[in-house]
Protein backbone atom coordinates (compact mmCIF):
# COMPACT_ATOMS: atom_id res chain seq x y z
CA MET A 1 82.81 102.64 113.80
CA PHE A 2 85.31 102.23 116.65
CA ASP A 3 88.17 102.82 114.19
CA SER A 4 86.47 106.12 113.18
CA ILE A 5 86.13 107.16 116.78
CA ARG A 6 89.81 106.37 117.49
CA THR A 7 90.75 108.41 114.42
CA VAL A 8 88.79 111.39 115.58
CA MET A 9 90.22 111.15 119.08
CA ARG A 10 93.70 111.31 117.71
CA GLU A 11 93.18 114.51 115.80
CA PRO A 12 95.49 117.24 117.20
CA LEU A 13 92.88 119.96 116.74
CA LEU A 14 90.44 118.04 118.94
CA HIS A 15 93.09 117.76 121.62
CA PHE A 16 93.66 121.55 121.46
CA LEU A 17 89.97 122.32 121.71
CA LEU A 18 89.62 119.95 124.71
CA ALA A 19 92.68 121.65 126.27
CA GLY A 20 90.97 125.03 125.76
CA ALA A 21 87.76 123.80 127.34
CA GLY A 22 89.64 122.43 130.30
CA LEU A 23 91.45 125.78 130.73
CA PHE A 24 88.17 127.68 130.72
CA LEU A 25 86.78 125.32 133.37
CA LEU A 26 89.87 125.72 135.40
CA PHE A 27 89.70 129.52 135.28
CA ASN A 28 86.04 129.50 136.28
CA TYR A 29 86.05 126.99 139.13
CA VAL A 30 89.56 126.67 140.61
CA SER A 31 90.92 129.11 143.08
CA GLU A 32 93.75 128.78 145.59
CA PRO A 33 93.40 129.60 148.37
CA LYS A 34 89.67 129.12 148.69
CA MET A 35 87.98 132.52 149.25
CA THR A 36 84.56 132.82 150.86
CA GLY A 37 84.68 136.66 151.09
CA ASP A 38 87.06 139.55 150.72
CA ASP A 39 87.96 139.40 154.39
CA GLN A 40 88.37 135.64 154.70
CA ILE A 41 91.24 133.37 153.85
CA ILE A 42 91.00 129.59 154.08
CA VAL A 43 94.23 127.65 153.61
CA THR A 44 93.12 124.31 152.27
CA SER A 45 94.65 120.94 153.00
CA GLY A 46 95.76 120.79 149.41
CA GLN A 47 97.64 124.05 149.67
CA ILE A 48 99.33 122.85 152.91
CA GLU A 49 100.34 119.58 151.12
CA HIS A 50 101.84 121.78 148.34
CA LEU A 51 103.83 123.80 150.85
CA VAL A 52 105.14 120.61 152.49
CA THR A 53 106.03 119.11 149.08
CA LEU A 54 108.08 122.20 148.18
CA PHE A 55 109.83 122.06 151.53
CA VAL A 56 110.74 118.36 151.12
CA LYS A 57 112.16 119.04 147.64
CA THR A 58 114.35 121.76 149.07
CA ARG A 59 115.41 120.26 152.42
CA VAL A 60 115.00 116.51 151.59
CA ARG A 61 113.05 116.03 154.82
CA PRO A 62 109.63 116.82 156.14
CA PRO A 63 109.13 120.10 158.11
CA SER A 64 108.85 120.09 161.85
CA ASP A 65 105.69 121.36 163.49
CA ALA A 66 107.22 124.78 164.06
CA GLU A 67 108.55 124.95 160.50
CA LEU A 68 105.15 123.95 159.12
CA ARG A 69 103.47 126.76 161.19
CA GLY A 70 106.05 129.08 159.77
CA LEU A 71 105.29 127.96 156.19
CA ILE A 72 101.56 128.51 156.70
CA ASP A 73 102.10 131.87 158.44
CA ASN A 74 104.31 132.99 155.49
CA TYR A 75 101.71 131.89 153.01
CA ILE A 76 98.93 133.81 154.88
CA LEU A 77 101.16 136.87 154.99
CA GLU A 78 101.85 136.57 151.24
CA GLU A 79 98.12 136.29 150.59
CA VAL A 80 97.23 139.25 152.79
CA LEU A 81 99.88 141.48 151.19
CA TYR A 82 98.82 140.33 147.74
CA ARG A 83 95.18 141.20 148.40
CA GLU A 84 96.15 144.58 149.92
CA ALA A 85 98.45 145.37 146.96
CA THR A 86 95.79 144.54 144.40
CA ALA A 87 93.17 146.47 146.35
CA ILE A 88 95.16 149.71 145.95
CA GLY A 89 96.10 148.89 142.37
CA LEU A 90 99.79 148.10 142.66
CA ASP A 91 99.40 145.30 140.14
CA GLN A 92 98.10 147.66 137.45
CA ASP A 93 100.42 148.66 134.58
CA ASP A 94 103.31 146.75 136.12
CA THR A 95 105.37 145.26 133.27
CA ILE A 96 106.97 142.55 135.42
CA ILE A 97 103.62 141.37 136.81
CA ARG A 98 102.08 141.36 133.33
CA ARG A 99 104.91 139.25 131.97
CA ARG A 100 104.78 136.85 134.93
CA LEU A 101 101.05 136.36 134.51
CA LYS A 102 101.47 135.86 130.79
CA GLN A 103 104.10 133.25 131.54
CA LYS A 104 101.86 131.44 133.99
CA MET A 105 99.04 131.34 131.45
CA GLU A 106 101.44 129.83 128.88
CA PHE A 107 102.54 127.24 131.47
CA LEU A 108 98.85 126.27 132.00
CA VAL A 109 98.40 125.83 128.27
CA ASP A 110 101.59 123.77 128.08
CA ASP A 111 100.44 121.48 130.90
CA PHE A 112 97.11 120.85 129.19
CA SER A 113 98.72 120.13 125.84
CA ALA A 114 101.44 117.86 127.19
CA THR A 115 101.11 114.20 126.16
CA GLU A 116 103.28 111.24 125.32
CA PRO A 117 103.62 110.74 121.55
CA THR A 118 103.57 107.32 119.90
CA ASP A 119 106.37 106.17 117.59
CA GLU A 120 103.92 106.44 114.69
CA GLU A 121 103.23 110.13 115.51
CA LEU A 122 106.96 110.85 115.82
CA GLN A 123 107.65 109.04 112.53
CA GLN A 124 105.01 111.16 110.76
CA PHE A 125 106.46 114.28 112.30
CA LEU A 126 109.95 113.26 111.05
CA ASP A 127 108.69 112.42 107.54
CA ALA A 128 106.82 115.72 107.28
CA ASP A 129 110.01 117.80 107.69
CA PRO A 130 113.10 115.60 107.18
CA ASP A 131 115.39 118.58 106.50
CA ARG A 132 114.81 119.68 110.07
CA PHE A 133 116.63 116.53 111.31
CA GLN A 134 119.12 116.05 108.58
CA ILE A 135 122.77 115.44 109.57
CA ASP A 136 125.28 117.56 107.69
CA ALA A 137 127.48 116.07 104.96
CA ARG A 138 131.03 115.73 106.29
CA ILE A 139 134.39 115.93 104.59
CA SER A 140 138.00 115.14 105.20
CA PHE A 141 140.61 116.85 103.01
CA GLU A 142 144.08 118.24 102.75
CA HIS A 143 144.81 121.61 101.19
CA VAL A 144 147.53 124.09 100.23
CA TYR A 145 146.45 127.64 99.99
CA LEU A 146 148.27 130.18 97.84
CA ILE A 147 148.74 133.82 98.94
CA ASP A 148 148.79 136.38 96.14
CA ALA A 149 149.49 133.71 93.51
CA SER A 150 148.50 134.07 89.90
CA LEU A 151 146.42 131.41 88.19
CA GLU A 152 149.50 130.33 86.24
CA ALA A 153 151.50 129.89 89.45
CA ALA A 154 148.58 127.98 91.05
CA ASN A 155 148.42 125.55 88.08
CA ALA A 156 152.17 125.04 88.24
CA THR A 157 151.94 124.20 91.97
CA LEU A 158 149.06 121.86 91.29
CA ALA A 159 151.03 120.02 88.66
CA ALA A 160 153.83 119.58 91.13
CA LEU A 161 151.48 118.20 93.81
CA GLN A 162 149.94 115.75 91.29
CA LYS A 163 153.41 114.45 90.50
CA ASP A 164 154.22 114.23 94.23
CA GLU A 165 157.04 116.78 93.76
CA ALA A 166 158.23 119.37 96.26
CA VAL A 167 156.23 122.58 96.36
CA LYS A 168 157.88 125.99 96.39
CA THR A 169 157.12 127.70 99.65
CA ASP A 170 157.38 131.38 98.74
CA ASN A 171 153.61 131.70 98.36
CA ALA A 172 152.33 128.12 99.00
CA LEU A 173 151.54 127.35 102.64
CA ALA A 174 150.50 124.00 103.95
CA SER A 175 149.50 125.44 107.33
CA GLY A 176 149.73 128.85 108.87
CA LEU A 177 146.42 130.63 109.65
CA LEU A 178 144.53 127.50 108.72
CA PRO A 179 145.16 123.85 109.43
CA GLY A 180 146.50 121.93 106.44
CA HIS A 181 144.24 119.04 107.07
CA PHE A 182 140.57 118.89 108.00
CA GLU A 183 139.21 115.68 109.42
CA ASP A 184 135.47 114.86 109.28
CA ALA A 185 134.42 118.56 109.06
CA SER A 186 130.76 119.39 108.64
CA GLU A 187 129.23 121.50 105.93
CA THR A 188 128.31 124.09 108.57
CA SER A 189 131.85 124.41 109.92
CA ILE A 190 133.34 124.66 106.39
CA THR A 191 130.81 127.40 105.54
CA SER A 192 131.58 129.36 108.68
CA GLN A 193 135.37 129.27 108.00
CA PHE A 194 135.49 129.67 104.20
CA GLY A 195 132.08 130.76 102.99
CA GLY A 196 129.22 129.09 101.20
CA SER A 197 130.69 129.30 97.70
CA PHE A 198 133.91 127.56 98.78
CA LYS A 199 131.84 124.86 100.59
CA ASP A 200 129.81 124.16 97.42
CA ASP A 201 132.90 123.91 95.29
CA LEU A 202 134.70 121.76 97.82
CA PHE A 203 131.91 119.17 98.15
CA ALA A 204 131.69 118.92 94.35
CA LEU A 205 135.27 117.65 94.01
CA GLU A 206 136.22 114.05 93.43
CA PRO A 207 138.19 112.31 96.20
CA GLY A 208 141.68 110.87 95.78
CA GLN A 209 143.64 113.46 93.82
CA TRP A 210 144.97 116.99 94.02
CA THR A 211 142.74 119.41 92.18
CA GLY A 212 141.85 123.09 92.07
CA PRO A 213 142.43 125.87 92.37
CA VAL A 214 139.33 126.71 94.51
CA GLU A 215 138.91 130.29 95.69
CA SER A 216 138.04 131.45 99.18
CA PRO A 217 138.37 134.76 101.07
CA PHE A 218 141.89 133.62 102.05
CA GLY A 219 143.11 133.07 98.48
CA LEU A 220 143.45 130.10 96.10
CA HIS A 221 143.39 126.55 97.45
CA LEU A 222 144.69 123.32 95.98
CA ILE A 223 142.82 120.44 97.51
CA ARG A 224 142.96 116.69 97.84
CA ILE A 225 139.74 115.10 99.14
CA ASP A 226 140.21 112.07 101.40
CA GLN A 227 136.51 111.29 102.06
CA ILE A 228 133.02 112.72 101.71
CA VAL A 229 130.16 111.41 103.82
CA GLU A 230 126.87 112.44 102.33
CA ALA A 231 124.14 114.22 104.28
CA ARG A 232 121.44 111.89 105.60
CA VAL A 233 118.26 111.84 107.62
CA PRO A 234 118.75 109.48 110.59
CA ALA A 235 116.21 106.73 111.42
CA LEU A 236 113.80 107.57 114.22
CA ALA A 237 115.49 105.11 116.60
CA GLU A 238 118.73 107.16 116.34
CA ILE A 239 117.16 110.55 117.20
CA ARG A 240 113.93 109.73 119.00
CA SER A 241 114.66 112.08 121.88
CA VAL A 242 115.37 114.96 119.47
CA VAL A 243 112.22 114.36 117.41
CA LYS A 244 110.15 114.00 120.60
CA ARG A 245 111.47 117.31 121.94
CA ASP A 246 110.59 119.13 118.69
CA TRP A 247 107.17 117.32 118.44
CA LEU A 248 106.25 118.48 121.93
CA ALA A 249 107.43 122.00 121.24
CA ASP A 250 105.42 122.10 118.01
CA ARG A 251 102.36 120.76 119.79
CA ARG A 252 102.63 123.32 122.57
CA ASN A 253 102.96 126.13 120.05
CA LYS A 254 99.86 125.04 118.10
CA ALA A 255 97.85 124.57 121.32
CA ARG A 256 98.83 128.03 122.51
CA GLN A 257 97.81 129.56 119.14
CA VAL A 258 94.40 127.79 119.06
CA LEU A 259 93.59 128.74 122.61
CA PHE A 260 94.89 132.29 122.41
CA ASP A 261 92.91 132.92 119.24
CA GLU A 262 89.77 131.78 121.09
CA LEU A 263 90.58 134.09 124.04
CA ARG A 264 91.38 137.03 121.77
CA ALA A 265 88.06 136.59 120.05
CA LYS A 266 86.28 137.46 123.30
CA TYR A 267 87.56 141.03 123.08
CA THR A 268 86.85 143.99 120.80
CA ILE A 269 90.30 145.25 119.94
CA THR A 270 90.92 148.77 118.65
CA ILE A 271 94.35 149.84 117.56
CA GLU A 272 94.70 153.57 117.22
CA GLU A 273 96.72 155.11 114.42
CA TYR A 274 100.21 156.01 115.35
CA GLU A 275 102.50 158.42 113.58
CA ALA A 276 106.17 157.90 114.28
CA PRO A 277 108.03 161.07 115.29
CA ASP A 278 110.67 162.43 113.03
CA LEU A 279 114.18 161.51 114.24
């Protein structure tokens, strides 16, 4: 029975629903500063403590009595101006305010959904989407690329390289625009420099001998592979911080979606038809 209860308590959906319930309670019962009427402002001890904490983080020391009075006076002024501004509707249809309030709501959801994952949860997250954490295959190779060379000329140059003979340099360049040797280059970097087709052909070659030609946007390439390190998915211990970061982000996104769907369901939403103007 206790195992069943523990299993239920670990369900992410239950956590999201509890987070949503907590937020609703927060919205209904928490207000800073405490208001007993439209014309009253009570600065609570908790709010003063918050002001002092922010001051200490900035100045690395507690405020003096005069500085504390200044912090409280500034807070009261901020509250007065806020109330007066909202009373005359200055907060209405203000894009910056709308975005800021949206952001604060999202921060509240994130705070409620934040938790410390276990290694078991992180391993399950890693196993569910291993491609997300895969490390690129890497390759080391030497190449000679041929500019405006025919296939016949490329094959002749290849034969010379295989026999370790000197290569004519009229259209065969060992360097130039591109380095003649690539050391431990990733699939991503090769694709960005030569294109996906070249990358696929390159990683299909056998190491240890000159081969080709392989075509890229630069021309024809004769290639000798030194080493290929296959792509792999690291163990959790190697990338725990990365998996944890993505796990938390995924959890926050799911919590937001669950709660926002519940909040949206409270409203009747009508979207009027819109006809785009002719341009």
